[in-house]
Amino acid sequence: MKATIWHNPNCGTSRKTLAILQETPGVDVTIVEYLKNPPSAEKLGQLYRDAGITPAQGLRLRGTDAEERGLPQASDSEVLAAMAAEPVLIERPLVETDKGVRLCRPQEKVHEIL
């Protein structure tokens, strides 16, 4: 099974999720450090749709100025554009497999798509 993780190596939850993926037999992991290689607004939209959440639910509030900018109440397209321009606004980690997408907070959520 192929799995892609949008990963931040400085995040403990992201590191723990990556470890689960790497320790699961038969999983071929692609790691995307999204702060260096941010996904497009279109890709983020697809990931959130596939995860069954809104872009606002995928917005990182802690350590960002998202609330001050009114992003939690903004339109989906505004949130996605802000995330694509400033990937620090993306909550992590996102994992995509053939079985779906999950925002893996807590990291155990990754098991739902393995």
C-alpha atoms as a PDB file:
ATOM      1  CA  MET A   1       0.000   0.000   0.000  1.00  0.00           C
ATOM      2  CA  LYS A   2       1.191   3.488  -0.837  1.00  0.00           C
ATOM      3  CA  ALA A   3       0.919   6.234   1.769  1.00  0.00           C
ATOM      4  CA  THR A   4       1.801   9.914   1.533  1.00  0.00           C
ATOM      5  CA  ILE A   5       2.357  11.947   4.677  1.00  0.00           C
ATOM      6  CA  TRP A   6       2.467  15.739   4.681  1.00  0.00           C
ATOM      7  CA  HIS A   7       5.033  15.919   7.436  1.00  0.00           C
ATOM      8  CA  ASN A   8       6.720  18.406   9.736  1.00  0.00           C
ATOM      9  CA  PRO A   9       9.803  16.785  11.287  1.00  0.00           C
ATOM     10  CA  ASN A  10       9.660  19.283  14.177  1.00  0.00           C
ATOM     11  CA  CYS A  11       6.206  18.043  15.252  1.00  0.00           C
ATOM     12  CA  GLY A  12       5.989  15.142  17.687  1.00  0.00           C
ATOM     13  CA  THR A  13       2.592  13.986  16.421  1.00  0.00           C
ATOM     14  CA  SER A  14       3.865  14.044  12.858  1.00  0.00           C
ATOM     15  CA  ARG A  15       6.971  12.051  13.818  1.00  0.00           C
ATOM     16  CA  LYS A  16       4.853   9.476  15.690  1.00  0.00           C
ATOM     17  CA  THR A  17       2.489   9.130  12.724  1.00  0.00           C
ATOM     18  CA  LEU A  18       5.432   8.644  10.369  1.00  0.00           C
ATOM     19  CA  ALA A  19       6.831   5.960  12.697  1.00  0.00           C
ATOM     20  CA  ILE A  20       3.510   4.079  12.570  1.00  0.00           C
ATOM     21  CA  LEU A  21       3.580   4.200   8.773  1.00  0.00           C
ATOM     22  CA  GLN A  22       7.201   3.057   8.601  1.00  0.00           C
ATOM     23  CA  GLU A  23       6.603   0.207  11.076  1.00  0.00           C
ATOM     24  CA  THR A  24       3.519  -1.113   9.267  1.00  0.00           C
ATOM     25  CA  PRO A  25       4.452  -4.007   6.964  1.00  0.00           C
ATOM     26  CA  GLY A  26       3.675  -3.456   3.291  1.00  0.00           C
ATOM     27  CA  VAL A  27       3.371   0.335   3.488  1.00  0.00           C
ATOM     28  CA  ASP A  28       5.433   2.302   0.968  1.00  0.00           C
ATOM     29  CA  VAL A  29       5.719   5.800   2.465  1.00  0.00           C
ATOM     30  CA  THR A  30       6.263   9.029   0.568  1.00  0.00           C
ATOM     31  CA  ILE A  31       7.230  11.890   2.867  1.00  0.00           C
ATOM     32  CA  VAL A  32       6.402  15.438   1.830  1.00  0.00           C
ATOM     33  CA  GLU A  33       7.835  18.125   4.087  1.00  0.00           C
ATOM     34  CA  TYR A  34       4.973  20.506   3.419  1.00  0.00           C
ATOM     35  CA  LEU A  35       6.749  23.557   4.853  1.00  0.00           C
ATOM     36  CA  LYS A  36       9.399  23.155   2.114  1.00  0.00           C
ATOM     37  CA  ASN A  37       7.058  21.801  -0.607  1.00  0.00           C
ATOM     38  CA  PRO A  38       3.554  23.069   0.126  1.00  0.00           C
ATOM     39  CA  PRO A  39       0.587  21.454  -1.590  1.00  0.00           C
ATOM     40  CA  SER A  40      -1.505  23.592  -3.902  1.00  0.00           C
ATOM     41  CA  ALA A  41      -4.855  24.952  -2.817  1.00  0.00           C
ATOM     42  CA  GLU A  42      -6.444  22.412  -5.183  1.00  0.00           C
ATOM     43  CA  LYS A  43      -4.568  19.483  -3.618  1.00  0.00           C
ATOM     44  CA  LEU A  44      -5.448  20.666  -0.112  1.00  0.00           C
ATOM     45  CA  GLY A  45      -9.090  20.942  -1.122  1.00  0.00           C
ATOM     46  CA  GLN A  46      -9.028  17.368  -2.417  1.00  0.00           C
ATOM     47  CA  LEU A  47      -7.327  16.107   0.761  1.00  0.00           C
ATOM     48  CA  TYR A  48      -9.882  17.765   3.032  1.00  0.00           C
ATOM     49  CA  ARG A  49     -12.816  16.549   0.917  1.00  0.00           C
ATOM     50  CA  ASP A  50     -11.432  13.002   1.016  1.00  0.00           C
ATOM     51  CA  ALA A  51     -10.914  13.303   4.782  1.00  0.00           C
ATOM     52  CA  GLY A  52     -14.502  14.507   5.232  1.00  0.00           C
ATOM     53  CA  ILE A  53     -13.470  17.762   6.894  1.00  0.00           C
ATOM     54  CA  THR A  54     -13.636  21.418   5.933  1.00  0.00           C
ATOM     55  CA  PRO A  55     -10.546  23.474   5.201  1.00  0.00           C
ATOM     56  CA  ALA A  56     -11.221  25.428   8.409  1.00  0.00           C
ATOM     57  CA  GLN A  57     -11.050  22.133  10.335  1.00  0.00           C
ATOM     58  CA  GLY A  58      -7.613  21.576   8.809  1.00  0.00           C
ATOM     59  CA  LEU A  59      -6.394  25.020   9.831  1.00  0.00           C
ATOM     60  CA  ARG A  60      -3.578  25.227  12.358  1.00  0.00           C
ATOM     61  CA  LEU A  61      -4.498  27.752  15.019  1.00  0.00           C
ATOM     62  CA  ARG A  62      -1.761  27.147  17.582  1.00  0.00           C
ATOM     63  CA  GLY A  63       1.353  29.183  16.873  1.00  0.00           C
ATOM     64  CA  THR A  64      -0.187  31.022  13.910  1.00  0.00           C
ATOM     65  CA  ASP A  65      -2.083  34.250  13.318  1.00  0.00           C
ATOM     66  CA  ALA A  66      -5.032  32.421  11.732  1.00  0.00           C
ATOM     67  CA  GLU A  67      -7.557  33.594  14.321  1.00  0.00           C
ATOM     68  CA  GLU A  68      -6.400  37.212  14.168  1.00  0.00           C
ATOM     69  CA  ARG A  69      -6.819  37.084  10.390  1.00  0.00           C
ATOM     70  CA  GLY A  70     -10.354  35.705  10.701  1.00  0.00           C
ATOM     71  CA  LEU A  71      -9.464  32.513   8.817  1.00  0.00           C
ATOM     72  CA  PRO A  72     -11.615  30.156  10.946  1.00  0.00           C
ATOM     73  CA  GLN A  73     -14.681  32.071   9.643  1.00  0.00           C
ATOM     74  CA  ALA A  74     -13.378  32.640   6.112  1.00  0.00           C
ATOM     75  CA  SER A  75     -14.622  30.876   3.002  1.00  0.00           C
ATOM     76  CA  ASP A  76     -13.101  27.546   1.996  1.00  0.00           C
ATOM     77  CA  SER A  77     -11.321  29.147  -0.955  1.00  0.00           C
ATOM     78  CA  GLU A  78      -9.840  31.877   1.247  1.00  0.00           C
ATOM     79  CA  VAL A  79      -8.592  29.317   3.791  1.00  0.00           C
ATOM     80  CA  LEU A  80      -7.094  27.103   1.076  1.00  0.00           C
ATOM     81  CA  ALA A  81      -5.379  30.065  -0.601  1.00  0.00           C
ATOM     82  CA  ALA A  82      -3.909  31.187   2.736  1.00  0.00           C
ATOM     83  CA  MET A  83      -2.650  27.665   3.473  1.00  0.00           C
ATOM     84  CA  ALA A  84      -1.057  27.299   0.043  1.00  0.00           C
ATOM     85  CA  ALA A  85       0.665  30.676   0.453  1.00  0.00           C
ATOM     86  CA  GLU A  86       1.678  30.087   4.075  1.00  0.00           C
ATOM     87  CA  PRO A  87       1.946  26.339   4.757  1.00  0.00           C
ATOM     88  CA  VAL A  88       2.529  26.961   8.480  1.00  0.00           C
ATOM     89  CA  LEU A  89      -1.291  27.336   8.554  1.00  0.00           C
ATOM     90  CA  ILE A  90      -1.758  23.642   7.622  1.00  0.00           C
ATOM     91  CA  GLU A  91      -2.506  21.400  10.603  1.00  0.00           C
ATOM     92  CA  ARG A  92      -0.407  18.272  10.518  1.00  0.00           C
ATOM     93  CA  PRO A  93       0.061  15.534   9.705  1.00  0.00           C
ATOM     94  CA  LEU A  94      -2.176  14.704   6.780  1.00  0.00           C
ATOM     95  CA  VAL A  95      -1.905  11.143   5.488  1.00  0.00           C
ATOM     96  CA  GLU A  96      -3.343   9.835   2.202  1.00  0.00           C
ATOM     97  CA  THR A  97      -3.645   6.168   1.237  1.00  0.00           C
ATOM     98  CA  ASP A  98      -5.850   4.241  -1.201  1.00  0.00           C
ATOM     99  CA  LYS A  99      -8.315   3.885   1.692  1.00  0.00           C
ATOM    100  CA  GLY A 100      -8.693   7.616   2.280  1.00  0.00           C
ATOM    101  CA  VAL A 101      -7.217  10.659   3.986  1.00  0.00           C
ATOM    102  CA  ARG A 102      -6.942  11.512   7.667  1.00  0.00           C
ATOM    103  CA  LEU A 103      -5.714  14.462   9.654  1.00  0.00           C
ATOM    104  CA  CYS A 104      -3.832  12.300  12.136  1.00  0.00           C
ATOM    105  CA  ARG A 105      -4.400  14.113  15.400  1.00  0.00           C
ATOM    106  CA  PRO A 106      -4.054  11.984  17.427  1.00  0.00           C
ATOM    107  CA  GLN A 107      -1.582   9.849  15.482  1.00  0.00           C
ATOM    108  CA  GLU A 108      -3.643   6.687  16.004  1.00  0.00           C
ATOM    109  CA  LYS A 109      -6.141   7.986  13.415  1.00  0.00           C
ATOM    110  CA  VAL A 110      -3.734   6.764  10.733  1.00  0.00           C
ATOM    111  CA  HIS A 111      -4.836   3.201  11.498  1.00  0.00           C
ATOM    112  CA  GLU A 112      -8.269   4.047  10.002  1.00  0.00           C
ATOM    113  CA  ILE A 113      -6.728   4.193   6.522  1.00  0.00           C
ATOM    114  CA  LEU A 114      -4.166   1.388   6.704  1.00  0.00           C
END
